[in-house]
Amino acid sequence: QVQLVESGGGLVQAGGSLRLSCAASGRTFSNYNMGWFRQTPGKERDFVATINWSGSSTYYATSVKGRFTISRDNAKNTVYLQMNSLKPEDTAVYYCAAQQVFGGSWPSSTKSHYAYWGQGTQVTVSS
């Protein structure tokens, strides 16, 4: 079992920046690829970014590529999402998720490939 806790969400003006953090506990962090997803009311939870177990490779949704950066610190059991040039359409609840490396396919933007999820953190971008 892996427990994930997101933090760092908040209210920011368009063009601003936020950094989300996701702290993991319970299992060996480097056994998991990590991902960020986001969801707005009444819509599906959408893929944002993923990073492999070592942090050597990343993959982004087209909508955030060039603006968001995913990173991880395995010594701190934490994954980050640096969000720059934020737009009102980035407003959502952001979730981090863990995908087991063993038997998993990376990169994956498919929700069902991630076994563990955090509770989410709200990001609101005002125009």
Foldseek 3Di string as FASTA:
>chain_A
DKAKAKDWADEEAAQAKTKMKIAIDDDQLLQWKKFKWWDDPPDDIWGAKIAHSVQPDIDGDPVQPPFWDWGDDSVRRMIMIIGGNDDQVVWTWMKMFIAGPVPADPPDGDPVRTDDIYPTDTHGYHD
